[in-house]
Amino acid sequence: MTYHCQPERVGITMGSVNEETVKGALPKKVDVHIFVGESSKPGWYELPEDHTQRFPKFTPPFQKKIDAWKQVFLAPGLG
């Protein structure tokens, strides 16, 4: 997934990756876990205790980028 406010990065939902079919190496370490709050993470999904930061939504810095992009995009005459 890419976002207009950060087009140079690609995010992958790792829960949708079938590791057996991946050609090449998977990342050794995840940067952050997002959407893992009680209301957004499926109850059956257990995250490993990997000491990686967890957020119920986007990380605060990324949410700021999204909000700033929305302000510009939704400004009168632009959206």
PDB file of N, CA and C in Angstrom:
ATOM      1  N   MET A   1       0.840  -1.155   0.000  1.00  0.00           N
ATOM      2  CA  MET A   1       0.000   0.000   0.000  1.00  0.00           C
ATOM      3  C   MET A   1       0.895   1.231   0.000  1.00  0.00           C
ATOM      4  N   THR A   2       0.539   2.203  -0.778  1.00  0.00           N
ATOM      5  CA  THR A   2       1.257   3.474  -0.751  1.00  0.00           C
ATOM      6  C   THR A   2       0.269   4.577  -0.390  1.00  0.00           C
ATOM      7  N   TYR A   3       0.798   5.677   0.116  1.00  0.00           N
ATOM      8  CA  TYR A   3      -0.012   6.822   0.500  1.00  0.00           C
ATOM      9  C   TYR A   3       0.505   8.047  -0.238  1.00  0.00           C
ATOM     10  N   HIS A   4      -0.405   8.903  -0.648  1.00  0.00           N
ATOM     11  CA  HIS A   4      -0.031  10.114  -1.375  1.00  0.00           C
ATOM     12  C   HIS A   4       0.920  10.991  -0.557  1.00  0.00           C
ATOM     13  N   CYS A   5       0.779  10.987   0.765  1.00  0.00           N
ATOM     14  CA  CYS A   5       1.625  11.840   1.601  1.00  0.00           C
ATOM     15  C   CYS A   5       3.027  11.275   1.783  1.00  0.00           C
ATOM     16  N   GLN A   6       3.274  10.038   1.337  1.00  0.00           N
ATOM     17  CA  GLN A   6       4.590   9.419   1.487  1.00  0.00           C
ATOM     18  C   GLN A   6       4.787   8.401   0.362  1.00  0.00           C
ATOM     19  N   PRO A   7       4.858   8.869  -0.880  1.00  0.00           N
ATOM     20  CA  PRO A   7       4.889   7.948  -2.017  1.00  0.00           C
ATOM     21  C   PRO A   7       6.171   7.124  -2.142  1.00  0.00           C
ATOM     22  N   GLU A   8       7.217   7.486  -1.433  1.00  0.00           N
ATOM     23  CA  GLU A   8       8.484   6.762  -1.551  1.00  0.00           C
ATOM     24  C   GLU A   8       8.504   5.469  -0.723  1.00  0.00           C
ATOM     25  N   ARG A   9       7.481   5.241   0.085  1.00  0.00           N
ATOM     26  CA  ARG A   9       7.437   4.040   0.928  1.00  0.00           C
ATOM     27  C   ARG A   9       6.271   3.147   0.536  1.00  0.00           C
ATOM     28  N   VAL A  10       6.452   1.871   0.752  1.00  0.00           N
ATOM     29  CA  VAL A  10       5.397   0.888   0.515  1.00  0.00           C
ATOM     30  C   VAL A  10       5.176   0.122   1.807  1.00  0.00           C
ATOM     31  N   GLY A  11       3.924  -0.001   2.214  1.00  0.00           N
ATOM     32  CA  GLY A  11       3.589  -0.770   3.406  1.00  0.00           C
ATOM     33  C   GLY A  11       2.943  -2.083   3.004  1.00  0.00           C
ATOM     34  N   ILE A  12       3.302  -3.143   3.703  1.00  0.00           N
ATOM     35  CA  ILE A  12       2.764  -4.468   3.412  1.00  0.00           C
ATOM     36  C   ILE A  12       2.100  -5.015   4.662  1.00  0.00           C
ATOM     37  N   THR A  13       0.906  -5.529   4.503  1.00  0.00           N
ATOM     38  CA  THR A  13       0.232  -6.213   5.593  1.00  0.00           C
ATOM     39  C   THR A  13       0.836  -7.599   5.674  1.00  0.00           C
ATOM     40  N   MET A  14       1.691  -7.797   6.634  1.00  0.00           N
ATOM     41  CA  MET A  14       2.436  -9.050   6.706  1.00  0.00           C
ATOM     42  C   MET A  14       1.548 -10.254   6.965  1.00  0.00           C
ATOM     43  N   GLY A  15       0.389 -10.042   7.551  1.00  0.00           N
ATOM     44  CA  GLY A  15      -0.525 -11.145   7.761  1.00  0.00           C
ATOM     45  C   GLY A  15      -1.057 -11.730   6.469  1.00  0.00           C
ATOM     46  N   SER A  16      -0.893 -11.003   5.370  1.00  0.00           N
ATOM     47  CA  SER A  16      -1.387 -11.490   4.083  1.00  0.00           C
ATOM     48  C   SER A  16      -0.275 -12.126   3.231  1.00  0.00           C
ATOM     49  N   VAL A  17       0.929 -12.216   3.777  1.00  0.00           N
ATOM     50  CA  VAL A  17       2.060 -12.775   3.039  1.00  0.00           C
ATOM     51  C   VAL A  17       2.187 -14.269   3.336  1.00  0.00           C
ATOM     52  N   ASN A  18       2.248 -15.072   2.293  1.00  0.00           N
ATOM     53  CA  ASN A  18       2.500 -16.501   2.430  1.00  0.00           C
ATOM     54  C   ASN A  18       4.010 -16.697   2.327  1.00  0.00           C
ATOM     55  N   GLU A  19       4.657 -16.897   3.448  1.00  0.00           N
ATOM     56  CA  GLU A  19       6.121 -16.968   3.488  1.00  0.00           C
ATOM     57  C   GLU A  19       6.687 -18.056   2.591  1.00  0.00           C
ATOM     58  N   GLU A  20       5.946 -19.116   2.370  1.00  0.00           N
ATOM     59  CA  GLU A  20       6.442 -20.228   1.552  1.00  0.00           C
ATOM     60  C   GLU A  20       6.572 -19.857   0.080  1.00  0.00           C
ATOM     61  N   THR A  21       5.857 -18.831  -0.358  1.00  0.00           N
ATOM     62  CA  THR A  21       5.899 -18.466  -1.773  1.00  0.00           C
ATOM     63  C   THR A  21       6.764 -17.239  -2.047  1.00  0.00           C
ATOM     64  N   VAL A  22       7.361 -16.657  -1.021  1.00  0.00           N
ATOM     65  CA  VAL A  22       8.188 -15.457  -1.192  1.00  0.00           C
ATOM     66  C   VAL A  22       9.510 -15.835  -1.833  1.00  0.00           C
ATOM     67  N   LYS A  23       9.865 -15.112  -2.879  1.00  0.00           N
ATOM     68  CA  LYS A  23      11.166 -15.302  -3.522  1.00  0.00           C
ATOM     69  C   LYS A  23      12.074 -14.186  -3.025  1.00  0.00           C
ATOM     70  N   GLY A  24      13.142 -14.543  -2.393  1.00  0.00           N
ATOM     71  CA  GLY A  24      14.011 -13.546  -1.796  1.00  0.00           C
ATOM     72  C   GLY A  24      13.831 -13.554  -0.290  1.00  0.00           C
ATOM     73  N   ALA A  25      14.486 -12.624   0.350  1.00  0.00           N
ATOM     74  CA  ALA A  25      14.483 -12.580   1.811  1.00  0.00           C
ATOM     75  C   ALA A  25      13.376 -11.675   2.339  1.00  0.00           C
ATOM     76  N   LEU A  26      12.748 -12.118   3.398  1.00  0.00           N
ATOM     77  CA  LEU A  26      11.793 -11.277   4.111  1.00  0.00           C
ATOM     78  C   LEU A  26      12.579 -10.365   5.046  1.00  0.00           C
ATOM     79  N   PRO A  27      11.996  -9.231   5.436  1.00  0.00           N
ATOM     80  CA  PRO A  27      12.698  -8.348   6.383  1.00  0.00           C
ATOM     81  C   PRO A  27      13.025  -9.105   7.662  1.00  0.00           C
ATOM     82  N   LYS A  28      14.175  -8.826   8.224  1.00  0.00           N
ATOM     83  CA  LYS A  28      14.590  -9.474   9.473  1.00  0.00           C
ATOM     84  C   LYS A  28      13.810  -8.927  10.662  1.00  0.00           C
ATOM     85  N   LYS A  29      13.507  -7.631  10.610  1.00  0.00           N
ATOM     86  CA  LYS A  29      12.835  -6.993  11.741  1.00  0.00           C
ATOM     87  C   LYS A  29      11.772  -6.042  11.227  1.00  0.00           C
ATOM     88  N   VAL A  30      10.647  -6.056  11.882  1.00  0.00           N
ATOM     89  CA  VAL A  30       9.550  -5.147  11.563  1.00  0.00           C
ATOM     90  C   VAL A  30       9.813  -3.822  12.280  1.00  0.00           C
ATOM     91  N   ASP A  31       9.524  -2.687  11.615  1.00  0.00           N
ATOM     92  CA  ASP A  31       9.724  -1.371  12.239  1.00  0.00           C
ATOM     93  C   ASP A  31       8.732  -1.122  13.364  1.00  0.00           C
ATOM     94  N   VAL A  32       7.462  -1.295  13.066  1.00  0.00           N
ATOM     95  CA  VAL A  32       6.387  -1.079  14.037  1.00  0.00           C
ATOM     96  C   VAL A  32       5.230  -2.015  13.700  1.00  0.00           C
ATOM     97  N   HIS A  33       4.384  -2.239  14.682  1.00  0.00           N
ATOM     98  CA  HIS A  33       3.124  -2.938  14.454  1.00  0.00           C
ATOM     99  C   HIS A  33       2.028  -1.873  14.537  1.00  0.00           C
ATOM    100  N   ILE A  34       1.219  -1.747  13.476  1.00  0.00           N
ATOM    101  CA  ILE A  34       0.119  -0.787  13.511  1.00  0.00           C
ATOM    102  C   ILE A  34      -1.210  -1.528  13.413  1.00  0.00           C
ATOM    103  N   PHE A  35      -2.259  -0.848  13.854  1.00  0.00           N
ATOM    104  CA  PHE A  35      -3.615  -1.403  13.875  1.00  0.00           C
ATOM    105  C   PHE A  35      -3.680  -2.668  14.719  1.00  0.00           C
ATOM    106  N   VAL A  36      -3.054  -2.623  15.888  1.00  0.00           N
ATOM    107  CA  VAL A  36      -3.073  -3.774  16.785  1.00  0.00           C
ATOM    108  C   VAL A  36      -3.718  -3.448  18.127  1.00  0.00           C
ATOM    109  N   GLY A  37      -4.568  -2.430  18.153  1.00  0.00           N
ATOM    110  CA  GLY A  37      -5.320  -2.144  19.371  1.00  0.00           C
ATOM    111  C   GLY A  37      -6.412  -3.182  19.560  1.00  0.00           C
ATOM    112  N   GLU A  38      -7.010  -3.202  20.716  1.00  0.00           N
ATOM    113  CA  GLU A  38      -8.050  -4.187  21.009  1.00  0.00           C
ATOM    114  C   GLU A  38      -9.215  -4.111  20.028  1.00  0.00           C
ATOM    115  N   SER A  39      -9.512  -2.921  19.522  1.00  0.00           N
ATOM    116  CA  SER A  39     -10.652  -2.795  18.603  1.00  0.00           C
ATOM    117  C   SER A  39     -10.274  -3.010  17.139  1.00  0.00           C
ATOM    118  N   SER A  40      -8.982  -3.074  16.824  1.00  0.00           N
ATOM    119  CA  SER A  40      -8.592  -3.200  15.422  1.00  0.00           C
ATOM    120  C   SER A  40      -7.868  -4.508  15.087  1.00  0.00           C
ATOM    121  N   LYS A  41      -7.338  -5.197  16.071  1.00  0.00           N
ATOM    122  CA  LYS A  41      -6.626  -6.457  15.830  1.00  0.00           C
ATOM    123  C   LYS A  41      -7.606  -7.610  15.993  1.00  0.00           C
ATOM    124  N   PRO A  42      -7.586  -8.551  15.078  1.00  0.00           N
ATOM    125  CA  PRO A  42      -8.465  -9.719  15.256  1.00  0.00           C
ATOM    126  C   PRO A  42      -8.123 -10.441  16.558  1.00  0.00           C
ATOM    127  N   GLY A  43      -9.133 -10.885  17.268  1.00  0.00           N
ATOM    128  CA  GLY A  43      -8.919 -11.546  18.545  1.00  0.00           C
ATOM    129  C   GLY A  43      -8.103 -12.819  18.452  1.00  0.00           C
ATOM    130  N   TRP A  44      -8.130 -13.471  17.305  1.00  0.00           N
ATOM    131  CA  TRP A  44      -7.404 -14.733  17.138  1.00  0.00           C
ATOM    132  C   TRP A  44      -5.933 -14.530  16.807  1.00  0.00           C
ATOM    133  N   TYR A  45      -5.541 -13.288  16.483  1.00  0.00           N
ATOM    134  CA  TYR A  45      -4.161 -13.053  16.050  1.00  0.00           C
ATOM    135  C   TYR A  45      -3.287 -12.709  17.246  1.00  0.00           C
ATOM    136  N   GLU A  46      -2.238 -13.480  17.448  1.00  0.00           N
ATOM    137  CA  GLU A  46      -1.288 -13.240  18.535  1.00  0.00           C
ATOM    138  C   GLU A  46       0.002 -12.659  17.968  1.00  0.00           C
ATOM    139  N   LEU A  47       0.397 -11.510  18.483  1.00  0.00           N
ATOM    140  CA  LEU A  47       1.666 -10.909  18.073  1.00  0.00           C
ATOM    141  C   LEU A  47       2.797 -11.487  18.928  1.00  0.00           C
ATOM    142  N   PRO A  48       3.958 -11.681  18.316  1.00  0.00           N
ATOM    143  CA  PRO A  48       5.087 -12.165  19.113  1.00  0.00           C
ATOM    144  C   PRO A  48       5.575 -11.075  20.061  1.00  0.00           C
ATOM    145  N   GLU A  49       6.182 -11.465  21.142  1.00  0.00           N
ATOM    146  CA  GLU A  49       6.792 -10.505  22.060  1.00  0.00           C
ATOM    147  C   GLU A  49       8.165 -10.142  21.513  1.00  0.00           C
ATOM    148  N   ASP A  50       8.185  -9.222  20.544  1.00  0.00           N
ATOM    149  CA  ASP A  50       9.436  -8.849  19.878  1.00  0.00           C
ATOM    150  C   ASP A  50       9.925  -7.462  20.275  1.00  0.00           C
ATOM    151  N   HIS A  51       9.282  -6.864  21.255  1.00  0.00           N
ATOM    152  CA  HIS A  51       9.667  -5.549  21.781  1.00  0.00           C
ATOM    153  C   HIS A  51       9.593  -4.454  20.713  1.00  0.00           C
ATOM    154  N   THR A  52       8.770  -4.661  19.690  1.00  0.00           N
ATOM    155  CA  THR A  52       8.549  -3.655  18.658  1.00  0.00           C
ATOM    156  C   THR A  52       7.387  -2.772  19.096  1.00  0.00           C
ATOM    157  N   GLN A  53       7.497  -1.463  18.842  1.00  0.00           N
ATOM    158  CA  GLN A  53       6.419  -0.550  19.223  1.00  0.00           C
ATOM    159  C   GLN A  53       5.119  -0.963  18.557  1.00  0.00           C
ATOM    160  N   ARG A  54       4.014  -0.792  19.286  1.00  0.00           N
ATOM    161  CA  ARG A  54       2.684  -1.148  18.783  1.00  0.00           C
ATOM    162  C   ARG A  54       1.764   0.052  18.891  1.00  0.00           C
ATOM    163  N   PHE A  55       0.925   0.205  17.883  1.00  0.00           N
ATOM    164  CA  PHE A  55       0.003   1.332  17.852  1.00  0.00           C
ATOM    165  C   PHE A  55      -1.385   0.851  17.443  1.00  0.00           C
ATOM    166  N   PRO A  56      -2.438   1.394  18.058  1.00  0.00           N
ATOM    167  CA  PRO A  56      -3.794   0.993  17.681  1.00  0.00           C
ATOM    168  C   PRO A  56      -4.191   1.514  16.300  1.00  0.00           C
ATOM    169  N   LYS A  57      -3.520   2.551  15.845  1.00  0.00           N
ATOM    170  CA  LYS A  57      -3.764   3.111  14.508  1.00  0.00           C
ATOM    171  C   LYS A  57      -2.402   3.372  13.875  1.00  0.00           C
ATOM    172  N   PHE A  58      -2.311   4.382  13.018  1.00  0.00           N
ATOM    173  CA  PHE A  58      -1.007   4.750  12.457  1.00  0.00           C
ATOM    174  C   PHE A  58      -0.105   5.299  13.548  1.00  0.00           C
ATOM    175  N   THR A  59       1.214   5.323  13.297  1.00  0.00           N
ATOM    176  CA  THR A  59       2.126   5.961  14.241  1.00  0.00           C
ATOM    177  C   THR A  59       1.813   7.452  14.263  1.00  0.00           C
ATOM    178  N   PRO A  60       2.029   8.136  15.389  1.00  0.00           N
ATOM    179  CA  PRO A  60       1.725   9.576  15.447  1.00  0.00           C
ATOM    180  C   PRO A  60       2.412  10.405  14.361  1.00  0.00           C
ATOM    181  N   PRO A  61       3.704  10.200  14.051  1.00  0.00           N
ATOM    182  CA  PRO A  61       4.310  11.014  12.982  1.00  0.00           C
ATOM    183  C   PRO A  61       3.648  10.780  11.620  1.00  0.00           C
ATOM    184  N   PHE A  62       3.299   9.531  11.324  1.00  0.00           N
ATOM    185  CA  PHE A  62       2.663   9.253  10.037  1.00  0.00           C
ATOM    186  C   PHE A  62       1.257   9.826   9.995  1.00  0.00           C
ATOM    187  N   GLN A  63       0.525   9.762  11.106  1.00  0.00           N
ATOM    188  CA  GLN A  63      -0.814  10.342  11.157  1.00  0.00           C
ATOM    189  C   GLN A  63      -0.748  11.846  10.913  1.00  0.00           C
ATOM    190  N   LYS A  64       0.298  12.510  11.424  1.00  0.00           N
ATOM    191  CA  LYS A  64       0.475  13.950  11.171  1.00  0.00           C
ATOM    192  C   LYS A  64       0.635  14.215   9.674  1.00  0.00           C
ATOM    193  N   LYS A  65       1.414  13.366   8.984  1.00  0.00           N
ATOM    194  CA  LYS A  65       1.593  13.520   7.533  1.00  0.00           C
ATOM    195  C   LYS A  65       0.257  13.367   6.804  1.00  0.00           C
ATOM    196  N   ILE A  66      -0.512  12.367   7.193  1.00  0.00           N
ATOM    197  CA  ILE A  66      -1.816  12.144   6.569  1.00  0.00           C
ATOM    198  C   ILE A  66      -2.724  13.346   6.799  1.00  0.00           C
ATOM    199  N   ASP A  67      -2.777  13.834   8.035  1.00  0.00           N
ATOM    200  CA  ASP A  67      -3.638  14.979   8.361  1.00  0.00           C
ATOM    201  C   ASP A  67      -3.224  16.220   7.581  1.00  0.00           C
ATOM    202  N   ALA A  68      -1.910  16.472   7.459  1.00  0.00           N
ATOM    203  CA  ALA A  68      -1.430  17.635   6.697  1.00  0.00           C
ATOM    204  C   ALA A  68      -1.782  17.492   5.229  1.00  0.00           C
ATOM    205  N   TRP A  69      -1.635  16.300   4.676  1.00  0.00           N
ATOM    206  CA  TRP A  69      -1.984  16.071   3.275  1.00  0.00           C
ATOM    207  C   TRP A  69      -3.475  16.285   3.058  1.00  0.00           C
ATOM    208  N   LYS A  70      -4.312  15.804   3.983  1.00  0.00           N
ATOM    209  CA  LYS A  70      -5.762  15.978   3.864  1.00  0.00           C
ATOM    210  C   LYS A  70      -6.137  17.448   3.867  1.00  0.00           C
ATOM    211  N   GLN A  71      -5.478  18.249   4.717  1.00  0.00           N
ATOM    212  CA  GLN A  71      -5.790  19.677   4.781  1.00  0.00           C
ATOM    213  C   GLN A  71      -5.551  20.339   3.432  1.00  0.00           C
ATOM    214  N   VAL A  72      -4.464  19.989   2.770  1.00  0.00           N
ATOM    215  CA  VAL A  72      -4.163  20.565   1.467  1.00  0.00           C
ATOM    216  C   VAL A  72      -5.126  20.025   0.420  1.00  0.00           C
ATOM    217  N   PHE A  73      -5.295  18.721   0.405  1.00  0.00           N
ATOM    218  CA  PHE A  73      -6.126  18.078  -0.620  1.00  0.00           C
ATOM    219  C   PHE A  73      -7.587  18.504  -0.513  1.00  0.00           C
ATOM    220  N   LEU A  74      -8.083  18.662   0.704  1.00  0.00           N
ATOM    221  CA  LEU A  74      -9.499  19.007   0.905  1.00  0.00           C
ATOM    222  C   LEU A  74      -9.751  20.500   0.944  1.00  0.00           C
ATOM    223  N   ALA A  75      -8.718  21.298   0.713  1.00  0.00           N
ATOM    224  CA  ALA A  75      -8.892  22.746   0.711  1.00  0.00           C
ATOM    225  C   ALA A  75      -9.830  23.152  -0.441  1.00  0.00           C
ATOM    226  N   PRO A  76     -10.622  24.197  -0.239  1.00  0.00           N
ATOM    227  CA  PRO A  76     -11.534  24.633  -1.304  1.00  0.00           C
ATOM    228  C   PRO A  76     -10.791  24.857  -2.613  1.00  0.00           C
ATOM    229  N   GLY A  77     -11.352  24.326  -3.682  1.00  0.00           N
ATOM    230  CA  GLY A  77     -10.774  24.498  -5.006  1.00  0.00           C
ATOM    231  C   GLY A  77      -9.787  23.414  -5.403  1.00  0.00           C
ATOM    232  N   LEU A  78      -9.392  22.575  -4.447  1.00  0.00           N
ATOM    233  CA  LEU A  78      -8.410  21.531  -4.770  1.00  0.00           C
ATOM    234  C   LEU A  78      -9.031  20.139  -4.812  1.00  0.00           C
ATOM    235  N   GLY A  79     -10.017  19.855  -3.957  1.00  0.00           N
ATOM    236  CA  GLY A  79     -10.558  18.506  -3.832  1.00  0.00           C
ATOM    237  C   GLY A  79     -11.687  18.240  -4.681  1.00  0.00           C
TER     238      GLY A  79
END
